[in-house]
Amino acid sequence: GWRILLMGDAGFETEKWLLENLPDQLASDVVIKGQHGSDLSGLEEFLLAVRPQALIASNRSFPAAQQISPGWREMLQGHQITLFDQQQSGAVEILAGPNSLELKAYVNGQSLTLSRRNP
């Protein structure tokens, strides 16, 4: 099946622990994450281990720690990870089929269809 990694607002320590202890179990098609209120999250090395095709992330204008930074956004683009910024997209519906996974945003209409990739 499809693999979706739910990170909540896990931060630096959680991502480092997962990298050190479960590196072979992290690969996922989609990551859903919040922004940690007082810690770094969404580390590049973590995302490279997970290898998601899409990332759904919360983004709040206040406090500053809850914002998606321009540099992080650029890093995702550089790794060809499609970002669903929930400040712009609103809720994102995920429809799983046997050979495709469809993501649809309610507010801005952003959509993405993922196809099975080779392991």
PDB file of N, CA and C in Angstrom:
ATOM      1  N   GLY A   1       0.807  -1.193   0.000  1.00  0.00           N
ATOM      2  CA  GLY A   1       0.000   0.000   0.000  1.00  0.00           C
ATOM      3  C   GLY A   1       0.843   1.246   0.000  1.00  0.00           C
ATOM      4  N   TRP A   2       0.153   2.334   0.132  1.00  0.00           N
ATOM      5  CA  TRP A   2       0.788   3.643   0.184  1.00  0.00           C
ATOM      6  C   TRP A   2       1.293   3.893   1.597  1.00  0.00           C
ATOM      7  N   ARG A   3       2.346   4.679   1.709  1.00  0.00           N
ATOM      8  CA  ARG A   3       2.895   5.009   3.025  1.00  0.00           C
ATOM      9  C   ARG A   3       2.775   6.505   3.256  1.00  0.00           C
ATOM     10  N   ILE A   4       2.100   6.841   4.357  1.00  0.00           N
ATOM     11  CA  ILE A   4       1.906   8.236   4.743  1.00  0.00           C
ATOM     12  C   ILE A   4       2.469   8.389   6.150  1.00  0.00           C
ATOM     13  N   LEU A   5       3.420   9.288   6.307  1.00  0.00           N
ATOM     14  CA  LEU A   5       4.074   9.515   7.587  1.00  0.00           C
ATOM     15  C   LEU A   5       3.441  10.716   8.270  1.00  0.00           C
ATOM     16  N   LEU A   6       2.806  10.482   9.421  1.00  0.00           N
ATOM     17  CA  LEU A   6       2.181  11.550  10.204  1.00  0.00           C
ATOM     18  C   LEU A   6       3.169  11.997  11.274  1.00  0.00           C
ATOM     19  N   MET A   7       3.658  13.220  11.175  1.00  0.00           N
ATOM     20  CA  MET A   7       4.676  13.706  12.092  1.00  0.00           C
ATOM     21  C   MET A   7       4.133  14.615  13.187  1.00  0.00           C
ATOM     22  N   GLY A   8       2.898  15.076  13.069  1.00  0.00           N
ATOM     23  CA  GLY A   8       2.411  16.027  14.061  1.00  0.00           C
ATOM     24  C   GLY A   8       3.363  17.211  14.127  1.00  0.00           C
ATOM     25  N   ASP A   9       3.705  17.629  15.355  1.00  0.00           N
ATOM     26  CA  ASP A   9       4.665  18.729  15.488  1.00  0.00           C
ATOM     27  C   ASP A   9       6.000  18.230  16.026  1.00  0.00           C
ATOM     28  N   ALA A  10       6.355  16.989  15.660  1.00  0.00           N
ATOM     29  CA  ALA A  10       7.643  16.433  16.085  1.00  0.00           C
ATOM     30  C   ALA A  10       8.767  17.352  15.631  1.00  0.00           C
ATOM     31  N   GLY A  11       9.790  17.460  16.447  1.00  0.00           N
ATOM     32  CA  GLY A  11      10.891  18.365  16.145  1.00  0.00           C
ATOM     33  C   GLY A  11      12.205  17.652  15.921  1.00  0.00           C
ATOM     34  N   PHE A  12      13.265  18.397  16.119  1.00  0.00           N
ATOM     35  CA  PHE A  12      14.632  17.969  15.867  1.00  0.00           C
ATOM     36  C   PHE A  12      14.966  16.643  16.534  1.00  0.00           C
ATOM     37  N   GLU A  13      14.715  16.536  17.834  1.00  0.00           N
ATOM     38  CA  GLU A  13      15.072  15.319  18.583  1.00  0.00           C
ATOM     39  C   GLU A  13      14.363  14.088  18.033  1.00  0.00           C
ATOM     40  N   THR A  14      13.097  14.212  17.711  1.00  0.00           N
ATOM     41  CA  THR A  14      12.346  13.077  17.162  1.00  0.00           C
ATOM     42  C   THR A  14      12.884  12.674  15.801  1.00  0.00           C
ATOM     43  N   GLU A  15      13.135  13.651  14.938  1.00  0.00           N
ATOM     44  CA  GLU A  15      13.649  13.348  13.606  1.00  0.00           C
ATOM     45  C   GLU A  15      15.022  12.684  13.696  1.00  0.00           C
ATOM     46  N   LYS A  16      15.894  13.189  14.576  1.00  0.00           N
ATOM     47  CA  LYS A  16      17.221  12.587  14.758  1.00  0.00           C
ATOM     48  C   LYS A  16      17.091  11.156  15.292  1.00  0.00           C
ATOM     49  N   TRP A  17      16.195  10.932  16.256  1.00  0.00           N
ATOM     50  CA  TRP A  17      16.004   9.602  16.815  1.00  0.00           C
ATOM     51  C   TRP A  17      15.532   8.633  15.728  1.00  0.00           C
ATOM     52  N   LEU A  18      14.572   9.054  14.929  1.00  0.00           N
ATOM     53  CA  LEU A  18      14.074   8.203  13.850  1.00  0.00           C
ATOM     54  C   LEU A  18      15.181   7.873  12.844  1.00  0.00           C
ATOM     55  N   LEU A  19      16.002   8.867  12.510  1.00  0.00           N
ATOM     56  CA  LEU A  19      17.114   8.628  11.580  1.00  0.00           C
ATOM     57  C   LEU A  19      18.108   7.620  12.143  1.00  0.00           C
ATOM     58  N   GLU A  20      18.386   7.710  13.428  1.00  0.00           N
ATOM     59  CA  GLU A  20      19.368   6.823  14.052  1.00  0.00           C
ATOM     60  C   GLU A  20      18.819   5.430  14.321  1.00  0.00           C
ATOM     61  N   ASN A  21      17.525   5.309  14.610  1.00  0.00           N
ATOM     62  CA  ASN A  21      16.960   4.048  15.071  1.00  0.00           C
ATOM     63  C   ASN A  21      16.089   3.311  14.057  1.00  0.00           C
ATOM     64  N   LEU A  22      15.488   4.019  13.123  1.00  0.00           N
ATOM     65  CA  LEU A  22      14.578   3.384  12.163  1.00  0.00           C
ATOM     66  C   LEU A  22      14.824   3.864  10.729  1.00  0.00           C
ATOM     67  N   PRO A  23      16.070   4.007  10.321  1.00  0.00           N
ATOM     68  CA  PRO A  23      16.319   4.612   9.006  1.00  0.00           C
ATOM     69  C   PRO A  23      15.722   3.844   7.842  1.00  0.00           C
ATOM     70  N   ASP A  24      15.614   2.535   7.954  1.00  0.00           N
ATOM     71  CA  ASP A  24      15.090   1.731   6.852  1.00  0.00           C
ATOM     72  C   ASP A  24      13.568   1.667   6.822  1.00  0.00           C
ATOM     73  N   GLN A  25      12.922   2.266   7.798  1.00  0.00           N
ATOM     74  CA  GLN A  25      11.469   2.213   7.870  1.00  0.00           C
ATOM     75  C   GLN A  25      10.821   3.562   7.599  1.00  0.00           C
ATOM     76  N   LEU A  26      11.586   4.550   7.207  1.00  0.00           N
ATOM     77  CA  LEU A  26      11.066   5.907   7.057  1.00  0.00           C
ATOM     78  C   LEU A  26      10.475   6.218   5.682  1.00  0.00           C
ATOM     79  N   ALA A  27      10.859   5.494   4.656  1.00  0.00           N
ATOM     80  CA  ALA A  27      10.411   5.824   3.303  1.00  0.00           C
ATOM     81  C   ALA A  27       8.892   5.932   3.253  1.00  0.00           C
ATOM     82  N   SER A  28       8.400   7.066   2.752  1.00  0.00           N
ATOM     83  CA  SER A  28       6.960   7.328   2.676  1.00  0.00           C
ATOM     84  C   SER A  28       6.649   8.119   1.418  1.00  0.00           C
ATOM     85  N   ASP A  29       5.437   7.956   0.935  1.00  0.00           N
ATOM     86  CA  ASP A  29       4.994   8.680  -0.249  1.00  0.00           C
ATOM     87  C   ASP A  29       4.607  10.117   0.078  1.00  0.00           C
ATOM     88  N   VAL A  30       4.011  10.293   1.260  1.00  0.00           N
ATOM     89  CA  VAL A  30       3.532  11.607   1.691  1.00  0.00           C
ATOM     90  C   VAL A  30       3.902  11.798   3.156  1.00  0.00           C
ATOM     91  N   VAL A  31       4.284  13.021   3.503  1.00  0.00           N
ATOM     92  CA  VAL A  31       4.505  13.401   4.903  1.00  0.00           C
ATOM     93  C   VAL A  31       3.471  14.449   5.259  1.00  0.00           C
ATOM     94  N   ILE A  32       2.862  14.283   6.439  1.00  0.00           N
ATOM     95  CA  ILE A  32       1.943  15.288   6.976  1.00  0.00           C
ATOM     96  C   ILE A  32       2.575  15.795   8.263  1.00  0.00           C
ATOM     97  N   LYS A  33       2.855  17.100   8.323  1.00  0.00           N
ATOM     98  CA  LYS A  33       3.557  17.626   9.490  1.00  0.00           C
ATOM     99  C   LYS A  33       3.059  18.998   9.893  1.00  0.00           C
ATOM    100  N   GLY A  34       3.139  19.222  11.189  1.00  0.00           N
ATOM    101  CA  GLY A  34       2.931  20.546  11.737  1.00  0.00           C
ATOM    102  C   GLY A  34       4.288  21.195  11.925  1.00  0.00           C
ATOM    103  N   GLN A  35       4.296  22.410  12.406  1.00  0.00           N
ATOM    104  CA  GLN A  35       5.549  23.102  12.704  1.00  0.00           C
ATOM    105  C   GLN A  35       5.754  23.059  14.212  1.00  0.00           C
ATOM    106  N   HIS A  36       6.891  22.597  14.659  1.00  0.00           N
ATOM    107  CA  HIS A  36       7.183  22.556  16.090  1.00  0.00           C
ATOM    108  C   HIS A  36       7.273  23.989  16.595  1.00  0.00           C
ATOM    109  N   GLY A  37       6.704  24.246  17.753  1.00  0.00           N
ATOM    110  CA  GLY A  37       6.637  25.607  18.275  1.00  0.00           C
ATOM    111  C   GLY A  37       7.956  26.191  18.730  1.00  0.00           C
ATOM    112  N   SER A  38       8.911  25.351  19.140  1.00  0.00           N
ATOM    113  CA  SER A  38      10.153  25.906  19.669  1.00  0.00           C
ATOM    114  C   SER A  38      11.391  25.129  19.221  1.00  0.00           C
ATOM    115  N   ASP A  39      11.262  24.300  18.213  1.00  0.00           N
ATOM    116  CA  ASP A  39      12.375  23.453  17.792  1.00  0.00           C
ATOM    117  C   ASP A  39      12.393  23.368  16.268  1.00  0.00           C
ATOM    118  N   LEU A  40      13.546  23.060  15.719  1.00  0.00           N
ATOM    119  CA  LEU A  40      13.655  22.839  14.278  1.00  0.00           C
ATOM    120  C   LEU A  40      12.898  21.576  13.899  1.00  0.00           C
ATOM    121  N   SER A  41      12.322  21.571  12.726  1.00  0.00           N
ATOM    122  CA  SER A  41      11.692  20.359  12.199  1.00  0.00           C
ATOM    123  C   SER A  41      11.755  20.412  10.684  1.00  0.00           C
ATOM    124  N   GLY A  42      11.575  19.246  10.069  1.00  0.00           N
ATOM    125  CA  GLY A  42      11.679  19.175   8.621  1.00  0.00           C
ATOM    126  C   GLY A  42      13.120  19.233   8.159  1.00  0.00           C
ATOM    127  N   LEU A  43      14.020  18.594   8.932  1.00  0.00           N
ATOM    128  CA  LEU A  43      15.437  18.586   8.579  1.00  0.00           C
ATOM    129  C   LEU A  43      15.645  17.985   7.189  1.00  0.00           C
ATOM    130  N   GLU A  44      16.544  18.569   6.441  1.00  0.00           N
ATOM    131  CA  GLU A  44      16.810  18.079   5.088  1.00  0.00           C
ATOM    132  C   GLU A  44      17.250  16.620   5.113  1.00  0.00           C
ATOM    133  N   GLU A  45      18.131  16.243   6.031  1.00  0.00           N
ATOM    134  CA  GLU A  45      18.593  14.851   6.081  1.00  0.00           C
ATOM    135  C   GLU A  45      17.449  13.902   6.408  1.00  0.00           C
ATOM    136  N   PHE A  46      16.500  14.347   7.205  1.00  0.00           N
ATOM    137  CA  PHE A  46      15.335  13.527   7.527  1.00  0.00           C
ATOM    138  C   PHE A  46      14.475  13.334   6.279  1.00  0.00           C
ATOM    139  N   LEU A  47      14.205  14.424   5.578  1.00  0.00           N
ATOM    140  CA  LEU A  47      13.372  14.335   4.372  1.00  0.00           C
ATOM    141  C   LEU A  47      14.054  13.532   3.270  1.00  0.00           C
ATOM    142  N   LEU A  48      15.371  13.582   3.196  1.00  0.00           N
ATOM    143  CA  LEU A  48      16.082  12.760   2.213  1.00  0.00           C
ATOM    144  C   LEU A  48      15.942  11.280   2.537  1.00  0.00           C
ATOM    145  N   ALA A  49      15.872  10.935   3.817  1.00  0.00           N
ATOM    146  CA  ALA A  49      15.674   9.536   4.213  1.00  0.00           C
ATOM    147  C   ALA A  49      14.237   9.090   3.946  1.00  0.00           C
ATOM    148  N   VAL A  50      13.286   9.989   4.139  1.00  0.00           N
ATOM    149  CA  VAL A  50      11.870   9.658   3.945  1.00  0.00           C
ATOM    150  C   VAL A  50      11.523   9.602   2.455  1.00  0.00           C
ATOM    151  N   ARG A  51      12.106  10.478   1.669  1.00  0.00           N
ATOM    152  CA  ARG A  51      11.891  10.549   0.216  1.00  0.00           C
ATOM    153  C   ARG A  51      10.417  10.718  -0.180  1.00  0.00           C
ATOM    154  N   PRO A  52       9.704  11.662   0.435  1.00  0.00           N
ATOM    155  CA  PRO A  52       8.301  11.827   0.050  1.00  0.00           C
ATOM    156  C   PRO A  52       8.177  12.497  -1.314  1.00  0.00           C
ATOM    157  N   GLN A  53       7.077  12.218  -1.978  1.00  0.00           N
ATOM    158  CA  GLN A  53       6.768  12.920  -3.219  1.00  0.00           C
ATOM    159  C   GLN A  53       5.969  14.186  -2.926  1.00  0.00           C
ATOM    160  N   ALA A  54       5.264  14.182  -1.779  1.00  0.00           N
ATOM    161  CA  ALA A  54       4.459  15.336  -1.386  1.00  0.00           C
ATOM    162  C   ALA A  54       4.549  15.522   0.115  1.00  0.00           C
ATOM    163  N   LEU A  55       4.382  16.766   0.549  1.00  0.00           N
ATOM    164  CA  LEU A  55       4.420  17.101   1.963  1.00  0.00           C
ATOM    165  C   LEU A  55       3.292  18.079   2.256  1.00  0.00           C
ATOM    166  N   ILE A  56       2.450  17.731   3.209  1.00  0.00           N
ATOM    167  CA  ILE A  56       1.363  18.593   3.647  1.00  0.00           C
ATOM    168  C   ILE A  56       1.810  19.204   4.968  1.00  0.00           C
ATOM    169  N   ALA A  57       1.884  20.537   5.026  1.00  0.00           N
ATOM    170  CA  ALA A  57       2.428  21.194   6.217  1.00  0.00           C
ATOM    171  C   ALA A  57       1.548  22.339   6.678  1.00  0.00           C
ATOM    172  N   SER A  58       1.399  22.439   8.005  1.00  0.00           N
ATOM    173  CA  SER A  58       0.728  23.601   8.570  1.00  0.00           C
ATOM    174  C   SER A  58       1.644  24.810   8.392  1.00  0.00           C
ATOM    175  N   ASN A  59       1.058  25.982   8.431  1.00  0.00           N
ATOM    176  CA  ASN A  59       1.814  27.229   8.261  1.00  0.00           C
ATOM    177  C   ASN A  59       0.978  28.333   8.886  1.00  0.00           C
ATOM    178  N   ARG A  60       1.509  28.947   9.930  1.00  0.00           N
ATOM    179  CA  ARG A  60       0.778  30.013  10.624  1.00  0.00           C
ATOM    180  C   ARG A  60       1.607  31.285  10.603  1.00  0.00           C
ATOM    181  N   SER A  61       0.947  32.409  10.506  1.00  0.00           N
ATOM    182  CA  SER A  61       1.677  33.677  10.474  1.00  0.00           C
ATOM    183  C   SER A  61       2.198  34.067  11.852  1.00  0.00           C
ATOM    184  N   PHE A  62       1.588  33.532  12.914  1.00  0.00           N
ATOM    185  CA  PHE A  62       2.048  33.833  14.270  1.00  0.00           C
ATOM    186  C   PHE A  62       1.871  32.604  15.135  1.00  0.00           C
ATOM    187  N   PRO A  63       2.820  32.259  15.949  1.00  0.00           N
ATOM    188  CA  PRO A  63       4.132  32.879  16.132  1.00  0.00           C
ATOM    189  C   PRO A  63       5.078  32.521  14.999  1.00  0.00           C
ATOM    190  N   ALA A  64       6.196  33.208  14.956  1.00  0.00           N
ATOM    191  CA  ALA A  64       7.151  33.038  13.856  1.00  0.00           C
ATOM    192  C   ALA A  64       7.625  31.589  13.704  1.00  0.00           C
ATOM    193  N   ALA A  65       7.743  30.862  14.808  1.00  0.00           N
ATOM    194  CA  ALA A  65       8.212  29.472  14.751  1.00  0.00           C
ATOM    195  C   ALA A  65       7.231  28.565  14.006  1.00  0.00           C
ATOM    196  N   GLN A  66       5.998  29.010  13.823  1.00  0.00           N
ATOM    197  CA  GLN A  66       4.995  28.203  13.140  1.00  0.00           C
ATOM    198  C   GLN A  66       4.948  28.469  11.634  1.00  0.00           C
ATOM    199  N   GLN A  67       5.837  29.318  11.147  1.00  0.00           N
ATOM    200  CA  GLN A  67       5.848  29.691   9.730  1.00  0.00           C
ATOM    201  C   GLN A  67       6.766  28.783   8.918  1.00  0.00           C
ATOM    202  N   ILE A  68       6.406  28.569   7.669  1.00  0.00           N
ATOM    203  CA  ILE A  68       7.279  27.886   6.717  1.00  0.00           C
ATOM    204  C   ILE A  68       8.249  28.934   6.180  1.00  0.00           C
ATOM    205  N   SER A  69       9.534  28.675   6.323  1.00  0.00           N
ATOM    206  CA  SER A  69      10.523  29.657   5.866  1.00  0.00           C
ATOM    207  C   SER A  69      10.726  29.543   4.354  1.00  0.00           C
ATOM    208  N   PRO A  70      11.107  30.652   3.718  1.00  0.00           N
ATOM    209  CA  PRO A  70      11.393  30.600   2.281  1.00  0.00           C
ATOM    210  C   PRO A  70      12.503  29.594   1.956  1.00  0.00           C
ATOM    211  N   GLY A  71      13.516  29.495   2.809  1.00  0.00           N
ATOM    212  CA  GLY A  71      14.612  28.558   2.570  1.00  0.00           C
ATOM    213  C   GLY A  71      14.152  27.111   2.611  1.00  0.00           C
ATOM    214  N   TRP A  72      13.253  26.785   3.538  1.00  0.00           N
ATOM    215  CA  TRP A  72      12.730  25.419   3.634  1.00  0.00           C
ATOM    216  C   TRP A  72      11.880  25.096   2.410  1.00  0.00           C
ATOM    217  N   ARG A  73      11.101  26.068   1.984  1.00  0.00           N
ATOM    218  CA  ARG A  73      10.267  25.916   0.783  1.00  0.00           C
ATOM    219  C   ARG A  73      11.157  25.641  -0.444  1.00  0.00           C
ATOM    220  N   GLU A  74      12.254  26.381  -0.557  1.00  0.00           N
ATOM    221  CA  GLU A  74      13.193  26.191  -1.666  1.00  0.00           C
ATOM    222  C   GLU A  74      13.867  24.821  -1.596  1.00  0.00           C
ATOM    223  N   MET A  75      14.193  24.373  -0.376  1.00  0.00           N
ATOM    224  CA  MET A  75      14.808  23.063  -0.212  1.00  0.00           C
ATOM    225  C   MET A  75      13.864  21.975  -0.712  1.00  0.00           C
ATOM    226  N   LEU A  76      12.582  22.074  -0.388  1.00  0.00           N
ATOM    227  CA  LEU A  76      11.606  21.095  -0.878  1.00  0.00           C
ATOM    228  C   LEU A  76      11.554  21.104  -2.399  1.00  0.00           C
ATOM    229  N   GLN A  77      11.509  22.280  -2.980  1.00  0.00           N
ATOM    230  CA  GLN A  77      11.481  22.394  -4.442  1.00  0.00           C
ATOM    231  C   GLN A  77      12.723  21.760  -5.056  1.00  0.00           C
ATOM    232  N   GLY A  78      13.885  21.993  -4.445  1.00  0.00           N
ATOM    233  CA  GLY A  78      15.134  21.443  -4.949  1.00  0.00           C
ATOM    234  C   GLY A  78      15.148  19.915  -4.945  1.00  0.00           C
ATOM    235  N   HIS A  79      14.394  19.313  -4.029  1.00  0.00           N
ATOM    236  CA  HIS A  79      14.312  17.855  -3.956  1.00  0.00           C
ATOM    237  C   HIS A  79      13.040  17.318  -4.625  1.00  0.00           C
ATOM    238  N   GLN A  80      12.358  18.188  -5.355  1.00  0.00           N
ATOM    239  CA  GLN A  80      11.141  17.832  -6.093  1.00  0.00           C
ATOM    240  C   GLN A  80      10.068  17.229  -5.183  1.00  0.00           C
ATOM    241  N   ILE A  81       9.904  17.839  -4.017  1.00  0.00           N
ATOM    242  CA  ILE A  81       8.845  17.455  -3.081  1.00  0.00           C
ATOM    243  C   ILE A  81       7.746  18.507  -3.206  1.00  0.00           C
ATOM    244  N   THR A  82       6.565  18.094  -3.609  1.00  0.00           N
ATOM    245  CA  THR A  82       5.451  19.025  -3.774  1.00  0.00           C
ATOM    246  C   THR A  82       4.913  19.409  -2.401  1.00  0.00           C
ATOM    247  N   LEU A  83       4.861  20.711  -2.133  1.00  0.00           N
ATOM    248  CA  LEU A  83       4.387  21.224  -0.851  1.00  0.00           C
ATOM    249  C   LEU A  83       2.927  21.627  -0.943  1.00  0.00           C
ATOM    250  N   PHE A  84       2.129  21.123  -0.009  1.00  0.00           N
ATOM    251  CA  PHE A  84       0.774  21.614   0.211  1.00  0.00           C
ATOM    252  C   PHE A  84       0.841  22.457   1.481  1.00  0.00           C
ATOM    253  N   ASP A  85       0.921  23.766   1.317  1.00  0.00           N
ATOM    254  CA  ASP A  85       0.995  24.727   2.422  1.00  0.00           C
ATOM    255  C   ASP A  85      -0.438  24.984   2.875  1.00  0.00           C
ATOM    256  N   GLN A  86      -0.788  24.505   4.046  1.00  0.00           N
ATOM    257  CA  GLN A  86      -2.185  24.569   4.462  1.00  0.00           C
ATOM    258  C   GLN A  86      -2.696  25.975   4.723  1.00  0.00           C
ATOM    259  N   GLN A  87      -1.805  26.950   4.840  1.00  0.00           N
ATOM    260  CA  GLN A  87      -2.270  28.327   4.927  1.00  0.00           C
ATOM    261  C   GLN A  87      -2.906  28.740   3.594  1.00  0.00           C
ATOM    262  N   GLN A  88      -2.419  28.160   2.505  1.00  0.00           N
ATOM    263  CA  GLN A  88      -2.936  28.450   1.172  1.00  0.00           C
ATOM    264  C   GLN A  88      -3.927  27.400   0.687  1.00  0.00           C
ATOM    265  N   SER A  89      -3.661  26.142   1.018  1.00  0.00           N
ATOM    266  CA  SER A  89      -4.472  25.052   0.470  1.00  0.00           C
ATOM    267  C   SER A  89      -5.693  24.713   1.319  1.00  0.00           C
ATOM    268  N   GLY A  90      -5.651  25.049   2.599  1.00  0.00           N
ATOM    269  CA  GLY A  90      -6.695  24.575   3.506  1.00  0.00           C
ATOM    270  C   GLY A  90      -6.553  23.074   3.689  1.00  0.00           C
ATOM    271  N   ALA A  91      -7.645  22.419   3.991  1.00  0.00           N
ATOM    272  CA  ALA A  91      -7.621  20.967   4.180  1.00  0.00           C
ATOM    273  C   ALA A  91      -7.224  20.277   2.881  1.00  0.00           C
ATOM    274  N   VAL A  92      -6.544  19.142   3.011  1.00  0.00           N
ATOM    275  CA  VAL A  92      -6.119  18.365   1.848  1.00  0.00           C
ATOM    276  C   VAL A  92      -6.720  16.970   1.968  1.00  0.00           C
ATOM    277  N   GLU A  93      -7.472  16.588   0.958  1.00  0.00           N
ATOM    278  CA  GLU A  93      -8.078  15.262   0.902  1.00  0.00           C
ATOM    279  C   GLU A  93      -7.101  14.312   0.217  1.00  0.00           C
ATOM    280  N   ILE A  94      -6.959  13.114   0.767  1.00  0.00           N
ATOM    281  CA  ILE A  94      -6.081  12.097   0.186  1.00  0.00           C
ATOM    282  C   ILE A  94      -6.948  10.908  -0.208  1.00  0.00           C
ATOM    283  N   LEU A  95      -6.945  10.586  -1.495  1.00  0.00           N
ATOM    284  CA  LEU A  95      -7.721   9.471  -2.014  1.00  0.00           C
ATOM    285  C   LEU A  95      -6.762   8.405  -2.520  1.00  0.00           C
ATOM    286  N   ALA A  96      -6.784   7.244  -1.883  1.00  0.00           N
ATOM    287  CA  ALA A  96      -5.855   6.173  -2.234  1.00  0.00           C
ATOM    288  C   ALA A  96      -6.534   5.151  -3.127  1.00  0.00           C
ATOM    289  N   GLY A  97      -5.889   4.843  -4.226  1.00  0.00           N
ATOM    290  CA  GLY A  97      -6.325   3.776  -5.122  1.00  0.00           C
ATOM    291  C   GLY A  97      -5.200   2.766  -5.236  1.00  0.00           C
ATOM    292  N   PRO A  98      -5.426   1.676  -5.934  1.00  0.00           N
ATOM    293  CA  PRO A  98      -4.398   0.642  -6.020  1.00  0.00           C
ATOM    294  C   PRO A  98      -3.117   1.099  -6.727  1.00  0.00           C
ATOM    295  N   ASN A  99      -3.245   2.008  -7.691  1.00  0.00           N
ATOM    296  CA  ASN A  99      -2.068   2.436  -8.449  1.00  0.00           C
ATOM    297  C   ASN A  99      -1.809   3.933  -8.412  1.00  0.00           C
ATOM    298  N   SER A 100      -2.665   4.679  -7.719  1.00  0.00           N
ATOM    299  CA  SER A 100      -2.454   6.123  -7.634  1.00  0.00           C
ATOM    300  C   SER A 100      -2.950   6.646  -6.294  1.00  0.00           C
ATOM    301  N   LEU A 101      -2.353   7.750  -5.897  1.00  0.00           N
ATOM    302  CA  LEU A 101      -2.730   8.448  -4.678  1.00  0.00           C
ATOM    303  C   LEU A 101      -3.006   9.884  -5.083  1.00  0.00           C
ATOM    304  N   GLU A 102      -4.206  10.351  -4.817  1.00  0.00           N
ATOM    305  CA  GLU A 102      -4.607  11.674  -5.261  1.00  0.00           C
ATOM    306  C   GLU A 102      -4.725  12.600  -4.067  1.00  0.00           C
ATOM    307  N   LEU A 103      -4.090  13.769  -4.145  1.00  0.00           N
ATOM    308  CA  LEU A 103      -4.170  14.788  -3.103  1.00  0.00           C
ATOM    309  C   LEU A 103      -4.912  15.985  -3.698  1.00  0.00           C
ATOM    310  N   LYS A 104      -5.924  16.469  -2.968  1.00  0.00           N
ATOM    311  CA  LYS A 104      -6.722  17.598  -3.456  1.00  0.00           C
ATOM    312  C   LYS A 104      -6.912  18.608  -2.327  1.00  0.00           C
ATOM    313  N   ALA A 105      -6.542  19.854  -2.598  1.00  0.00           N
ATOM    314  CA  ALA A 105      -6.711  20.933  -1.638  1.00  0.00           C
ATOM    315  C   ALA A 105      -8.094  21.555  -1.797  1.00  0.00           C
ATOM    316  N   TYR A 106      -8.716  21.878  -0.679  1.00  0.00           N
ATOM    317  CA  TYR A 106     -10.067  22.440  -0.720  1.00  0.00           C
ATOM    318  C   TYR A 106     -10.096  23.918  -1.040  1.00  0.00           C
ATOM    319  N   VAL A 107      -9.154  24.710  -0.562  1.00  0.00           N
ATOM    320  CA  VAL A 107      -9.243  26.162  -0.713  1.00  0.00           C
ATOM    321  C   VAL A 107      -8.705  26.635  -2.055  1.00  0.00           C
ATOM    322  N   ASN A 108      -7.478  26.243  -2.412  1.00  0.00           N
ATOM    323  CA  ASN A 108      -6.884  26.792  -3.635  1.00  0.00           C
ATOM    324  C   ASN A 108      -6.928  25.849  -4.831  1.00  0.00           C
ATOM    325  N   GLY A 109      -7.497  24.659  -4.672  1.00  0.00           N
ATOM    326  CA  GLY A 109      -7.638  23.731  -5.788  1.00  0.00           C
ATOM    327  C   GLY A 109      -6.371  23.000  -6.191  1.00  0.00           C
ATOM    328  N   GLN A 110      -5.279  23.193  -5.450  1.00  0.00           N
ATOM    329  CA  GLN A 110      -4.047  22.467  -5.770  1.00  0.00           C
ATOM    330  C   GLN A 110      -4.333  20.976  -5.755  1.00  0.00           C
ATOM    331  N   SER A 111      -3.762  20.259  -6.704  1.00  0.00           N
ATOM    332  CA  SER A 111      -3.951  18.810  -6.730  1.00  0.00           C
ATOM    333  C   SER A 111      -2.690  18.139  -7.250  1.00  0.00           C
ATOM    334  N   LEU A 112      -2.554  16.890  -6.898  1.00  0.00           N
ATOM    335  CA  LEU A 112      -1.410  16.098  -7.321  1.00  0.00           C
ATOM    336  C   LEU A 112      -1.827  14.646  -7.327  1.00  0.00           C
ATOM    337  N   THR A 113      -1.483  13.930  -8.377  1.00  0.00           N
ATOM    338  CA  THR A 113      -1.730  12.499  -8.437  1.00  0.00           C
ATOM    339  C   THR A 113      -0.381  11.803  -8.472  1.00  0.00           C
ATOM    340  N   LEU A 114      -0.162  10.944  -7.487  1.00  0.00           N
ATOM    341  CA  LEU A 114       1.074  10.178  -7.400  1.00  0.00           C
ATOM    342  C   LEU A 114       0.846   8.802  -7.979  1.00  0.00           C
ATOM    343  N   SER A 115       1.816   8.326  -8.709  1.00  0.00           N
ATOM    344  CA  SER A 115       1.783   6.962  -9.239  1.00  0.00           C
ATOM    345  C   SER A 115       2.772   6.120  -8.469  1.00  0.00           C
ATOM    346  N   ARG A 116       2.557   4.834  -8.479  1.00  0.00           N
ATOM    347  CA  ARG A 116       3.498   3.927  -7.810  1.00  0.00           C
ATOM    348  C   ARG A 116       4.888   4.158  -8.365  1.00  0.00           C
ATOM    349  N   ARG A 117       5.855   4.167  -7.491  1.00  0.00           N
ATOM    350  CA  ARG A 117       7.243   4.275  -7.930  1.00  0.00           C
ATOM    351  C   ARG A 117       7.968   2.999  -7.592  1.00  0.00           C
ATOM    352  N   ASN A 118       9.029   2.745  -8.301  1.00  0.00           N
ATOM    353  CA  ASN A 118       9.801   1.520  -8.057  1.00  0.00           C
ATOM    354  C   ASN A 118      10.509   1.641  -6.712  1.00  0.00           C
ATOM    355  N   PRO A 119      10.574   0.538  -5.938  1.00  0.00           N
ATOM    356  CA  PRO A 119      11.222   0.581  -4.627  1.00  0.00           C
ATOM    357  C   PRO A 119      12.691   0.936  -4.707  1.00  0.00           C
TER     358      PRO A 119
END
